[in-house]
Protein backbone atom coordinates (compact mmCIF):
# COMPACT_ATOMS: atom_id res chain seq x y z
CA UNK A 1 45.58 33.61 30.81
CA UNK A 2 48.19 33.23 33.63
CA UNK A 3 50.30 36.15 32.67
CA UNK A 4 53.24 33.67 33.09
CA UNK A 5 51.83 30.98 30.67
CA UNK A 6 53.44 30.98 27.82
CA UNK A 7 56.57 33.36 28.66
CA UNK A 8 59.86 32.16 27.85
CA UNK A 9 62.06 31.63 30.94
CA UNK A 10 64.50 34.11 31.51
CA UNK A 11 67.98 34.25 33.48
CA UNK A 12 66.26 35.05 36.56
CA UNK A 13 63.70 32.45 36.24
CA UNK A 14 66.30 29.47 35.35
CA UNK A 15 68.21 30.76 38.66
CA UNK A 16 65.49 30.74 41.09
CA UNK A 17 64.60 26.62 39.67
CA UNK A 18 68.56 26.20 40.58
CA UNK A 19 68.79 27.63 43.74
CA UNK A 20 65.08 27.33 44.95
CA UNK A 21 63.63 23.62 43.86
CA UNK A 22 67.28 22.56 42.77
CA UNK A 23 67.82 22.70 46.50
CA UNK A 24 64.91 22.92 48.49
CA UNK A 25 62.76 20.61 47.08
CA UNK A 26 65.27 18.06 45.85
CA UNK A 27 68.88 18.05 47.59
CA UNK A 28 67.49 18.73 50.56
CA UNK A 29 64.96 16.11 50.91
CA UNK A 30 67.04 13.60 48.80
CA UNK A 31 69.81 13.88 51.70
CA UNK A 32 67.14 13.53 54.52
CA UNK A 33 65.46 10.33 53.02
CA UNK A 34 68.98 8.64 51.93
CA UNK A 35 70.67 9.40 55.42
CA UNK A 36 66.86 7.51 56.70
CA UNK A 37 67.72 5.07 54.75
CA UNK A 38 71.23 4.30 56.07
CA UNK A 39 69.68 4.53 59.39
CA UNK A 40 67.46 2.12 59.45
CA UNK A 41 69.83 -0.28 57.68
CA UNK A 42 72.23 0.23 60.30
CA UNK A 43 69.67 -0.44 63.10
CA UNK A 44 68.26 -3.77 61.49
CA UNK A 45 71.75 -4.93 60.70
CA UNK A 46 72.28 -4.84 57.05
CA UNK A 47 75.69 -5.05 56.48
CA UNK A 48 77.89 -3.44 53.88
CA UNK A 49 77.69 -5.79 51.19
CA UNK A 50 77.84 -6.21 47.03
CA UNK A 51 74.13 -7.25 47.21
CA UNK A 52 73.26 -4.36 49.45
CA UNK A 53 75.08 -1.84 47.23
CA UNK A 54 73.53 -2.74 44.27
CA UNK A 55 69.83 -2.81 45.77
CA UNK A 56 70.74 0.62 46.95
CA UNK A 57 71.65 1.27 43.59
CA UNK A 58 68.31 1.17 42.18
CA UNK A 59 66.19 1.71 45.10
CA UNK A 60 68.17 4.47 47.53
CA UNK A 61 69.77 5.81 44.72
CA UNK A 62 67.74 5.83 41.38
CA UNK A 63 64.34 5.70 42.96
CA UNK A 64 64.36 8.19 45.72
CA UNK A 65 66.61 10.88 43.59
CA UNK A 66 64.86 10.82 40.92
CA UNK A 67 61.72 11.18 42.25
CA UNK A 68 62.81 14.13 44.60
CA UNK A 69 64.63 15.68 41.49
CA UNK A 70 61.06 14.91 39.47
CA UNK A 71 59.07 16.48 42.35
CA UNK A 72 61.59 19.21 42.48
CA UNK A 73 60.72 19.57 37.82
CA UNK A 74 57.08 19.68 38.26
CA UNK A 75 56.98 21.89 40.90
CA UNK A 76 59.15 24.30 38.89
CA UNK A 77 57.13 24.04 35.93
CA UNK A 78 53.57 24.46 37.91
CA UNK A 79 55.08 27.68 39.33
CA UNK A 80 55.65 28.75 35.46
CA UNK A 81 53.48 27.48 33.19
CA UNK A 82 56.23 25.49 30.80
CA UNK A 83 55.16 24.70 27.95
CA UNK A 84 57.99 25.09 25.22
CA UNK A 85 60.24 21.73 25.49
CA UNK A 86 63.63 24.07 25.89
CA UNK A 87 62.40 25.35 29.08
CA UNK A 88 61.07 21.96 30.29
CA UNK A 89 64.50 20.24 29.37
CA UNK A 90 66.32 23.32 30.85
CA UNK A 91 64.59 23.55 34.08
CA UNK A 92 64.94 19.77 34.81
CA UNK A 93 68.48 19.81 33.54
CA UNK A 94 69.30 22.80 36.39
CA UNK A 95 67.70 20.72 39.22
CA UNK A 96 69.64 17.35 38.38
CA UNK A 97 72.55 19.46 38.26
CA UNK A 98 72.20 21.14 41.67
CA UNK A 99 72.05 17.47 43.28
CA UNK A 100 74.78 16.42 41.26
CA UNK A 101 77.22 19.32 42.16
CA UNK A 102 75.88 18.97 46.56
CA UNK A 103 76.25 15.27 46.31
CA UNK A 104 79.83 15.21 45.10
CA UNK A 105 80.79 17.88 47.08
CA UNK A 106 79.39 16.17 50.10
CA UNK A 107 80.75 12.37 49.38
CA UNK A 108 84.21 14.55 48.19
CA UNK A 109 85.26 10.39 46.53
CA UNK A 110 87.82 11.63 43.97
CA UNK A 111 86.41 9.18 41.25
CA UNK A 112 82.94 9.65 41.46
CA UNK A 113 84.24 13.58 41.34
CA UNK A 114 86.56 12.82 38.15
CA UNK A 115 83.42 10.37 36.58
CA UNK A 116 80.91 13.41 37.34
CA UNK A 117 83.04 15.81 35.57
CA UNK A 118 83.28 13.91 31.73
CA UNK A 119 80.13 12.16 32.32
CA UNK A 120 77.69 14.61 34.44
CA UNK A 121 74.68 11.88 34.36
CA UNK A 122 72.11 14.10 36.76
CA UNK A 123 72.42 16.89 34.33
CA UNK A 124 72.01 14.54 31.28
CA UNK A 125 68.93 11.92 32.77
CA UNK A 126 67.26 15.67 33.32
CA UNK A 127 67.46 17.15 30.43
CA UNK A 128 66.33 14.02 28.58
CA UNK A 129 63.33 13.86 31.29
CA UNK A 130 62.46 17.25 30.98
CA UNK A 131 62.37 17.34 27.29
CA UNK A 132 60.49 14.06 27.09
CA UNK A 133 58.37 15.13 29.40
CA UNK A 134 56.96 18.21 27.72
CA UNK A 135 56.90 16.49 24.40
CA UNK A 136 54.31 13.97 25.77
CA UNK A 137 52.21 16.70 27.37
CA UNK A 138 52.42 18.24 23.61
CA UNK A 139 51.71 14.77 22.13
CA UNK A 140 49.05 14.50 24.50
CA UNK A 141 47.00 17.65 23.39
CA UNK A 142 47.75 16.68 19.83
CA UNK A 143 45.52 13.01 20.53
CA UNK A 144 48.62 11.18 19.96
CA UNK A 145 47.78 8.86 23.18
CA UNK A 146 50.68 6.27 21.84
CA UNK A 147 53.63 8.62 21.51
CA UNK A 148 52.85 10.85 24.43
CA UNK A 149 52.88 7.16 26.46
CA UNK A 150 56.06 6.44 24.57
CA UNK A 151 57.55 10.05 25.38
CA UNK A 152 56.26 9.53 29.43
CA UNK A 153 57.38 6.39 29.58
CA UNK A 154 61.41 7.71 28.20
CA UNK A 155 61.11 10.61 30.67
CA UNK A 156 60.48 8.66 33.89
CA UNK A 157 60.89 4.09 33.90
CA UNK A 158 63.95 4.72 31.25
CA UNK A 159 65.39 7.41 33.18
CA UNK A 160 65.29 5.57 37.02
CA UNK A 161 66.41 2.39 34.86
CA UNK A 162 69.49 4.17 33.33
CA UNK A 163 70.12 5.19 36.60
CA UNK A 164 70.06 2.59 38.77
CA UNK A 165 71.86 0.75 35.87
CA UNK A 166 74.68 2.88 35.52
CA UNK A 167 75.60 2.88 39.39
CA UNK A 168 74.85 -0.98 39.63
CA UNK A 169 77.74 -1.37 36.81
CA UNK A 170 80.48 0.94 37.91
CA UNK A 171 80.07 -0.55 41.53
CA UNK A 172 80.19 -4.22 40.25
CA UNK A 173 83.46 -3.05 38.24
CA UNK A 174 85.14 -2.13 40.79
CA UNK A 175 84.03 -4.93 43.22
CA UNK A 176 85.41 -7.14 40.66
CA UNK A 177 88.81 -5.38 40.54
CA UNK A 178 89.15 -4.74 43.90
CA UNK A 179 91.86 -7.15 45.20
CA UNK A 180 90.89 -7.44 48.51
CA UNK A 181 88.14 -9.22 47.25
CA UNK A 182 90.38 -12.28 45.60
CA UNK A 183 87.94 -12.80 42.33
CA UNK A 184 89.62 -14.91 40.27
CA UNK A 185 90.18 -12.88 36.53
CA UNK A 186 88.57 -10.23 38.40
CA UNK A 187 91.07 -7.31 37.58
CA UNK A 188 90.58 -8.18 34.23
CA UNK A 189 86.12 -8.52 34.27
CA UNK A 190 86.25 -5.51 36.38
CA UNK A 191 88.02 -3.99 33.89
CA UNK A 192 85.77 -4.64 31.07
CA UNK A 193 82.69 -4.21 32.52
CA UNK A 194 83.35 -0.64 34.15
CA UNK A 195 85.64 0.29 30.32
CA UNK A 196 82.00 -0.74 28.48
CA UNK A 197 80.01 1.15 31.10
CA UNK A 198 81.77 4.54 30.54
CA UNK A 199 82.01 3.58 26.70
CA UNK A 200 78.36 3.88 26.78
CA UNK A 201 78.27 6.30 29.17
CA UNK A 202 80.44 8.39 26.71
CA UNK A 203 77.86 7.91 23.32
CA UNK A 204 75.22 8.65 25.97
CA UNK A 205 76.52 12.10 26.81
CA UNK A 206 77.84 12.69 23.99
CA UNK A 207 74.43 12.09 21.90
CA UNK A 208 72.54 13.61 24.72
CA UNK A 209 74.21 17.36 24.50
CA UNK A 210 74.12 16.87 20.29
CA UNK A 211 70.14 16.34 20.65
CA UNK A 212 69.98 19.41 23.26
CA UNK A 213 72.15 21.45 21.42
CA UNK A 214 69.21 20.65 18.30
CA UNK A 215 66.52 21.35 20.33
CA UNK A 216 67.85 24.84 21.97
CA UNK A 217 68.25 26.04 18.61
CA UNK A 218 64.66 24.87 17.05
CA UNK A 219 62.97 26.06 19.90
CA UNK A 220 64.97 29.97 19.06
CA UNK A 221 64.38 29.68 15.82
CA UNK A 222 60.34 29.04 16.48
CA UNK A 223 60.27 31.88 18.83
CA UNK A 224 61.78 34.32 17.04
CA UNK A 225 58.83 34.89 14.52
CA UNK A 226 56.49 35.26 17.65
CA UNK A 227 58.80 37.52 19.24
CA UNK A 228 59.12 39.43 16.07
CA UNK A 229 55.41 39.53 15.71
CA UNK A 230 55.14 40.81 19.77
CA UNK A 231 57.14 43.94 19.41
CA UNK A 232 55.25 44.95 16.28
CA UNK A 233 52.14 44.55 18.17
CA UNK A 234 53.62 47.14 21.11
CA UNK A 235 54.73 49.31 18.34
CA UNK A 236 51.65 49.59 16.55
């Protein structure tokens, strides 16, 4: 058996995942692809508009970003032979956190930074992705194909959809509230859309933190008997 298989990740492992997989195999590749997207749109004469922004919410943002965050996560899983739900969850979360930090630093959009502080979505989406992905693998091994498919669906398509929908709803709300667009009752309608979106984001944030904490505690309880047994065997 590979010496890494079944190994619980430590701080150095997590730091390596954060700095290498989160940056080199995720963030850098996302930036290159999104800059290429912008260049192609400019060359094609595709002017900025709400319709373009909504399309970009799902294709430029959600699809490209989630693809490369998932790629970084899969490569980290392969290197460390991850097979624990907590390790899978935190490894994916660190990759999402790295991209979220760089994205906000590069854009330096005050509103985006404020929203990200209270709703760290890249971290939350990847926490859920890592957790569901490992559960899907575990259920597949048990022969529970239905549960495996459900959790894989939650780890991939649902994360992509939530990302695109989150960006799109915020874009619509901000667009409606902008006085330059002269939309009748736009400020009220936009405020309702933006407020509702942030409320749902708050619920998602709280629920995800609760589930993450419970998962981490459960993993710690399950690993303690094994660690005690391994220590006992070494002494013998």
